[in-house]
PDB file of all heavy atoms in Angstrom:
ATOM      1  N   GLN A   1       0.840  -1.193   0.000  1.00  0.00           N
ATOM      2  CA  GLN A   1       0.000   0.000   0.000  1.00  0.00           C
ATOM      3  C   GLN A   1       0.878   1.248   0.000  1.00  0.00           C
ATOM      4  O   GLN A   1       1.769   1.388   0.837  1.00  0.00           O
ATOM      5  CB  GLN A   1      -0.920  -0.002   1.236  1.00  0.00           C
ATOM      6  CG  GLN A   1      -1.867   1.161   1.309  1.00  0.00           C
ATOM      7  CD  GLN A   1      -2.882   1.169   0.185  1.00  0.00           C
ATOM      8  OE1 GLN A   1      -3.251   0.119  -0.330  1.00  0.00           O
ATOM      9  NE2 GLN A   1      -3.318   2.345  -0.215  1.00  0.00           N
ATOM     10  N   ILE A   2       0.659   2.121  -0.968  1.00  0.00           N
ATOM     11  CA  ILE A   2       1.389   3.381  -1.037  1.00  0.00           C
ATOM     12  C   ILE A   2       0.604   4.400  -0.216  1.00  0.00           C
ATOM     13  O   ILE A   2      -0.528   4.722  -0.536  1.00  0.00           O
ATOM     14  CB  ILE A   2       1.534   3.873  -2.492  1.00  0.00           C
ATOM     15  CG1 ILE A   2       2.143   2.807  -3.381  1.00  0.00           C
ATOM     16  CG2 ILE A   2       2.325   5.166  -2.539  1.00  0.00           C
ATOM     17  CD1 ILE A   2       3.548   2.406  -3.019  1.00  0.00           C
ATOM     18  N   ASN A   3       1.211   4.883   0.858  1.00  0.00           N
ATOM     19  CA  ASN A   3       0.545   5.883   1.693  1.00  0.00           C
ATOM     20  C   ASN A   3       1.527   7.003   2.018  1.00  0.00           C
ATOM     21  O   ASN A   3       2.694   6.978   1.602  1.00  0.00           O
ATOM     22  CB  ASN A   3      -0.021   5.233   2.970  1.00  0.00           C
ATOM     23  CG  ASN A   3       1.043   4.499   3.758  1.00  0.00           C
ATOM     24  OD1 ASN A   3       2.214   4.828   3.685  1.00  0.00           O
ATOM     25  ND2 ASN A   3       0.635   3.487   4.506  1.00  0.00           N
ATOM     26  N   ALA A   4       1.058   7.981   2.783  1.00  0.00           N
ATOM     27  CA  ALA A   4       1.889   9.150   3.108  1.00  0.00           C
ATOM     28  C   ALA A   4       3.134   8.750   3.899  1.00  0.00           C
ATOM     29  O   ALA A   4       4.196   9.353   3.726  1.00  0.00           O
ATOM     30  CB  ALA A   4       1.062  10.167   3.876  1.00  0.00           C
ATOM     31  N   ASP A   5       2.997   7.743   4.767  1.00  0.00           N
ATOM     32  CA  ASP A   5       4.157   7.315   5.555  1.00  0.00           C
ATOM     33  C   ASP A   5       5.250   6.729   4.657  1.00  0.00           C
ATOM     34  O   ASP A   5       6.434   6.995   4.862  1.00  0.00           O
ATOM     35  CB  ASP A   5       3.741   6.274   6.607  1.00  0.00           C
ATOM     36  CG  ASP A   5       2.869   6.869   7.688  1.00  0.00           C
ATOM     37  OD1 ASP A   5       2.942   8.101   7.912  1.00  0.00           O
ATOM     38  OD2 ASP A   5       2.108   6.106   8.310  1.00  0.00           O
ATOM     39  N   LEU A   6       4.847   5.932   3.678  1.00  0.00           N
ATOM     40  CA  LEU A   6       5.821   5.346   2.762  1.00  0.00           C
ATOM     41  C   LEU A   6       6.484   6.433   1.915  1.00  0.00           C
ATOM     42  O   LEU A   6       7.690   6.415   1.718  1.00  0.00           O
ATOM     43  CB  LEU A   6       5.163   4.297   1.861  1.00  0.00           C
ATOM     44  CG  LEU A   6       6.094   3.649   0.842  1.00  0.00           C
ATOM     45  CD1 LEU A   6       7.221   2.893   1.534  1.00  0.00           C
ATOM     46  CD2 LEU A   6       5.327   2.730  -0.077  1.00  0.00           C
ATOM     47  N   ILE A   7       5.702   7.378   1.439  1.00  0.00           N
ATOM     48  CA  ILE A   7       6.263   8.475   0.641  1.00  0.00           C
ATOM     49  C   ILE A   7       7.256   9.276   1.491  1.00  0.00           C
ATOM     50  O   ILE A   7       8.333   9.641   1.023  1.00  0.00           O
ATOM     51  CB  ILE A   7       5.140   9.381   0.109  1.00  0.00           C
ATOM     52  CG1 ILE A   7       4.184   8.565  -0.738  1.00  0.00           C
ATOM     53  CG2 ILE A   7       5.704  10.590  -0.609  1.00  0.00           C
ATOM     54  CD1 ILE A   7       4.233   8.722  -2.200  1.00  0.00           C
ATOM     55  N   ALA A   8       6.910   9.538   2.754  1.00  0.00           N
ATOM     56  CA  ALA A   8       7.820  10.268   3.640  1.00  0.00           C
ATOM     57  C   ALA A   8       9.100   9.468   3.865  1.00  0.00           C
ATOM     58  O   ALA A   8      10.199  10.026   3.901  1.00  0.00           O
ATOM     59  CB  ALA A   8       7.128  10.569   4.959  1.00  0.00           C
ATOM     60  N   TYR A   9       8.967   8.162   4.007  1.00  0.00           N
ATOM     61  CA  TYR A   9      10.131   7.293   4.192  1.00  0.00           C
ATOM     62  C   TYR A   9      11.025   7.324   2.954  1.00  0.00           C
ATOM     63  O   TYR A   9      12.239   7.453   3.055  1.00  0.00           O
ATOM     64  CB  TYR A   9       9.667   5.870   4.500  1.00  0.00           C
ATOM     65  CG  TYR A   9      10.786   4.870   4.640  1.00  0.00           C
ATOM     66  CD1 TYR A   9      11.681   4.944   5.701  1.00  0.00           C
ATOM     67  CD2 TYR A   9      10.948   3.857   3.712  1.00  0.00           C
ATOM     68  CE1 TYR A   9      12.715   4.026   5.822  1.00  0.00           C
ATOM     69  CE2 TYR A   9      11.973   2.936   3.831  1.00  0.00           C
ATOM     70  CZ  TYR A   9      12.859   3.025   4.888  1.00  0.00           C
ATOM     71  OH  TYR A   9      13.884   2.124   5.013  1.00  0.00           O
ATOM     72  N   LEU A  10      10.422   7.218   1.765  1.00  0.00           N
ATOM     73  CA  LEU A  10      11.192   7.269   0.524  1.00  0.00           C
ATOM     74  C   LEU A  10      11.836   8.638   0.329  1.00  0.00           C
ATOM     75  O   LEU A  10      12.957   8.745  -0.173  1.00  0.00           O
ATOM     76  CB  LEU A  10      10.291   6.940  -0.668  1.00  0.00           C
ATOM     77  CG  LEU A  10       9.758   5.509  -0.718  1.00  0.00           C
ATOM     78  CD1 LEU A  10       8.764   5.345  -1.857  1.00  0.00           C
ATOM     79  CD2 LEU A  10      10.887   4.511  -0.835  1.00  0.00           C
ATOM     80  N   GLU A  11      11.136   9.666   0.735  1.00  0.00           N
ATOM     81  CA  GLU A  11      11.670  11.025   0.672  1.00  0.00           C
ATOM     82  C   GLU A  11      12.932  11.134   1.540  1.00  0.00           C
ATOM     83  O   GLU A  11      13.945  11.697   1.135  1.00  0.00           O
ATOM     84  CB  GLU A  11      10.591  11.981   1.184  1.00  0.00           C
ATOM     85  CG  GLU A  11      10.641  13.369   0.667  1.00  0.00           C
ATOM     86  CD  GLU A  11       9.434  14.177   1.119  1.00  0.00           C
ATOM     87  OE1 GLU A  11       8.703  13.774   2.038  1.00  0.00           O
ATOM     88  OE2 GLU A  11       9.258  15.250   0.555  1.00  0.00           O
ATOM     89  N   ASP A  12      12.859  10.560   2.729  1.00  0.00           N
ATOM     90  CA  ASP A  12      13.995  10.581   3.647  1.00  0.00           C
ATOM     91  C   ASP A  12      15.159   9.747   3.100  1.00  0.00           C
ATOM     92  O   ASP A  12      16.311  10.175   3.142  1.00  0.00           O
ATOM     93  CB  ASP A  12      13.562  10.063   5.016  1.00  0.00           C
ATOM     94  CG  ASP A  12      14.637  10.201   6.064  1.00  0.00           C
ATOM     95  OD1 ASP A  12      15.269  11.279   6.126  1.00  0.00           O
ATOM     96  OD2 ASP A  12      14.849   9.240   6.821  1.00  0.00           O
ATOM     97  N   LEU A  13      14.858   8.566   2.568  1.00  0.00           N
ATOM     98  CA  LEU A  13      15.904   7.707   2.011  1.00  0.00           C
ATOM     99  C   LEU A  13      16.632   8.363   0.848  1.00  0.00           C
ATOM    100  O   LEU A  13      17.846   8.232   0.706  1.00  0.00           O
ATOM    101  CB  LEU A  13      15.303   6.386   1.525  1.00  0.00           C
ATOM    102  CG  LEU A  13      15.091   5.281   2.531  1.00  0.00           C
ATOM    103  CD1 LEU A  13      14.457   4.083   1.841  1.00  0.00           C
ATOM    104  CD2 LEU A  13      16.389   4.870   3.188  1.00  0.00           C
ATOM    105  N   SER A  14      15.879   9.047   0.005  1.00  0.00           N
ATOM    106  CA  SER A  14      16.466   9.631  -1.201  1.00  0.00           C
ATOM    107  C   SER A  14      17.008  11.035  -0.975  1.00  0.00           C
ATOM    108  O   SER A  14      17.595  11.615  -1.887  1.00  0.00           O
ATOM    109  CB  SER A  14      15.423   9.666  -2.320  1.00  0.00           C
ATOM    110  OG  SER A  14      14.348  10.507  -1.940  1.00  0.00           O
ATOM    111  N   CYS A  15      16.824  11.570   0.246  1.00  0.00           N
ATOM    112  CA  CYS A  15      17.268  12.938   0.571  1.00  0.00           C
ATOM    113  C   CYS A  15      16.649  13.947  -0.391  1.00  0.00           C
ATOM    114  O   CYS A  15      17.297  14.885  -0.852  1.00  0.00           O
ATOM    115  CB  CYS A  15      18.781  13.047   0.550  1.00  0.00           C
ATOM    116  SG  CYS A  15      19.592  12.028   1.783  1.00  0.00           S
ATOM    117  N   LEU A  16      15.387  13.731  -0.725  1.00  0.00           N
ATOM    118  CA  LEU A  16      14.641  14.641  -1.584  1.00  0.00           C
ATOM    119  C   LEU A  16      13.461  15.208  -0.802  1.00  0.00           C
ATOM    120  O   LEU A  16      12.981  14.590   0.144  1.00  0.00           O
ATOM    121  CB  LEU A  16      14.116  13.908  -2.823  1.00  0.00           C
ATOM    122  CG  LEU A  16      15.172  13.353  -3.774  1.00  0.00           C
ATOM    123  CD1 LEU A  16      14.502  12.508  -4.853  1.00  0.00           C
ATOM    124  CD2 LEU A  16      15.974  14.467  -4.407  1.00  0.00           C
ATOM    125  N   ASN A  17      13.006  16.364  -1.219  1.00  0.00           N
ATOM    126  CA  ASN A  17      11.808  16.963  -0.635  1.00  0.00           C
ATOM    127  C   ASN A  17      10.815  17.215  -1.756  1.00  0.00           C
ATOM    128  O   ASN A  17      11.160  17.833  -2.769  1.00  0.00           O
ATOM    129  CB  ASN A  17      12.145  18.282   0.067  1.00  0.00           C
ATOM    130  CG  ASN A  17      13.020  18.071   1.274  1.00  0.00           C
ATOM    131  OD1 ASN A  17      12.781  17.163   2.055  1.00  0.00           O
ATOM    132  ND2 ASN A  17      14.041  18.896   1.421  1.00  0.00           N
ATOM    133  N   PHE A  18       9.595  16.725  -1.580  1.00  0.00           N
ATOM    134  CA  PHE A  18       8.562  16.872  -2.584  1.00  0.00           C
ATOM    135  C   PHE A  18       7.465  17.787  -2.082  1.00  0.00           C
ATOM    136  O   PHE A  18       7.146  17.784  -0.891  1.00  0.00           O
ATOM    137  CB  PHE A  18       7.932  15.505  -2.938  1.00  0.00           C
ATOM    138  CG  PHE A  18       8.916  14.527  -3.520  1.00  0.00           C
ATOM    139  CD1 PHE A  18       9.338  13.425  -2.803  1.00  0.00           C
ATOM    140  CD2 PHE A  18       9.416  14.713  -4.797  1.00  0.00           C
ATOM    141  CE1 PHE A  18      10.230  12.515  -3.338  1.00  0.00           C
ATOM    142  CE2 PHE A  18      10.315  13.813  -5.340  1.00  0.00           C
ATOM    143  CZ  PHE A  18      10.721  12.716  -4.612  1.00  0.00           C
ATOM    144  N   ALA A  19       6.871  18.546  -2.997  1.00  0.00           N
ATOM    145  CA  ALA A  19       5.684  19.334  -2.672  1.00  0.00           C
ATOM    146  C   ALA A  19       4.513  18.376  -2.524  1.00  0.00           C
ATOM    147  O   ALA A  19       4.568  17.222  -2.966  1.00  0.00           O
ATOM    148  CB  ALA A  19       5.415  20.352  -3.778  1.00  0.00           C
ATOM    149  N   ASP A  20       3.436  18.829  -1.869  1.00  0.00           N
ATOM    150  CA  ASP A  20       2.269  17.964  -1.653  1.00  0.00           C
ATOM    151  C   ASP A  20       1.698  17.447  -2.966  1.00  0.00           C
ATOM    152  O   ASP A  20       1.309  16.279  -3.059  1.00  0.00           O
ATOM    153  CB  ASP A  20       1.195  18.710  -0.861  1.00  0.00           C
ATOM    154  CG  ASP A  20       1.614  18.940   0.583  1.00  0.00           C
ATOM    155  OD1 ASP A  20       2.478  18.180   1.067  1.00  0.00           O
ATOM    156  OD2 ASP A  20       1.081  19.862   1.213  1.00  0.00           O
ATOM    157  N   SER A  21       1.663  18.308  -3.997  1.00  0.00           N
ATOM    158  CA  SER A  21       1.139  17.848  -5.296  1.00  0.00           C
ATOM    159  C   SER A  21       2.052  16.791  -5.900  1.00  0.00           C
ATOM    160  O   SER A  21       1.584  15.846  -6.534  1.00  0.00           O
ATOM    161  CB  SER A  21       0.991  19.036  -6.245  1.00  0.00           C
ATOM    162  OG  SER A  21       2.262  19.638  -6.478  1.00  0.00           O
ATOM    163  N   GLU A  22       3.363  16.927  -5.709  1.00  0.00           N
ATOM    164  CA  GLU A  22       4.311  15.939  -6.219  1.00  0.00           C
ATOM    165  C   GLU A  22       4.182  14.624  -5.465  1.00  0.00           C
ATOM    166  O   GLU A  22       4.302  13.551  -6.054  1.00  0.00           O
ATOM    167  CB  GLU A  22       5.740  16.456  -6.092  1.00  0.00           C
ATOM    168  CG  GLU A  22       6.058  17.619  -7.010  1.00  0.00           C
ATOM    169  CD  GLU A  22       7.447  18.172  -6.762  1.00  0.00           C
ATOM    170  OE1 GLU A  22       7.848  18.309  -5.595  1.00  0.00           O
ATOM    171  OE2 GLU A  22       8.129  18.466  -7.764  1.00  0.00           O
ATOM    172  N   LYS A  23       3.907  14.701  -4.166  1.00  0.00           N
ATOM    173  CA  LYS A  23       3.736  13.484  -3.374  1.00  0.00           C
ATOM    174  C   LYS A  23       2.530  12.692  -3.860  1.00  0.00           C
ATOM    175  O   LYS A  23       2.584  11.472  -3.962  1.00  0.00           O
ATOM    176  CB  LYS A  23       3.580  13.822  -1.898  1.00  0.00           C
ATOM    177  CG  LYS A  23       4.849  14.324  -1.257  1.00  0.00           C
ATOM    178  CD  LYS A  23       4.610  14.678   0.199  1.00  0.00           C
ATOM    179  CE  LYS A  23       5.838  15.310   0.819  1.00  0.00           C
ATOM    180  NZ  LYS A  23       5.643  15.649   2.217  1.00  0.00           N
ATOM    181  N   ALA A  24       1.452  13.394  -4.185  1.00  0.00           N
ATOM    182  CA  ALA A  24       0.255  12.711  -4.683  1.00  0.00           C
ATOM    183  C   ALA A  24       0.547  12.038  -6.018  1.00  0.00           C
ATOM    184  O   ALA A  24       0.165  10.884  -6.238  1.00  0.00           O
ATOM    185  CB  ALA A  24      -0.890  13.710  -4.823  1.00  0.00           C
ATOM    186  N   GLN A  25       1.234  12.752  -6.909  1.00  0.00           N
ATOM    187  CA  GLN A  25       1.581  12.178  -8.213  1.00  0.00           C
ATOM    188  C   GLN A  25       2.551  11.028  -8.049  1.00  0.00           C
ATOM    189  O   GLN A  25       2.427  10.004  -8.719  1.00  0.00           O
ATOM    190  CB  GLN A  25       2.173  13.262  -9.129  1.00  0.00           C
ATOM    191  CG  GLN A  25       2.522  12.763 -10.509  1.00  0.00           C
ATOM    192  CD  GLN A  25       1.306  12.275 -11.279  1.00  0.00           C
ATOM    193  OE1 GLN A  25       0.259  12.910 -11.262  1.00  0.00           O
ATOM    194  NE2 GLN A  25       1.442  11.143 -11.942  1.00  0.00           N
TER     195      GLN A  25
END
C-alpha cells in the first residue's frame, strides 16, 4: 500500500523533498 508514511520514508531515504502535489503524483 502506497501511503503518506511510505512516501515520507522514501523522501527521507532519497534525501529529496517533494511538494504535496508531487507526493500525490
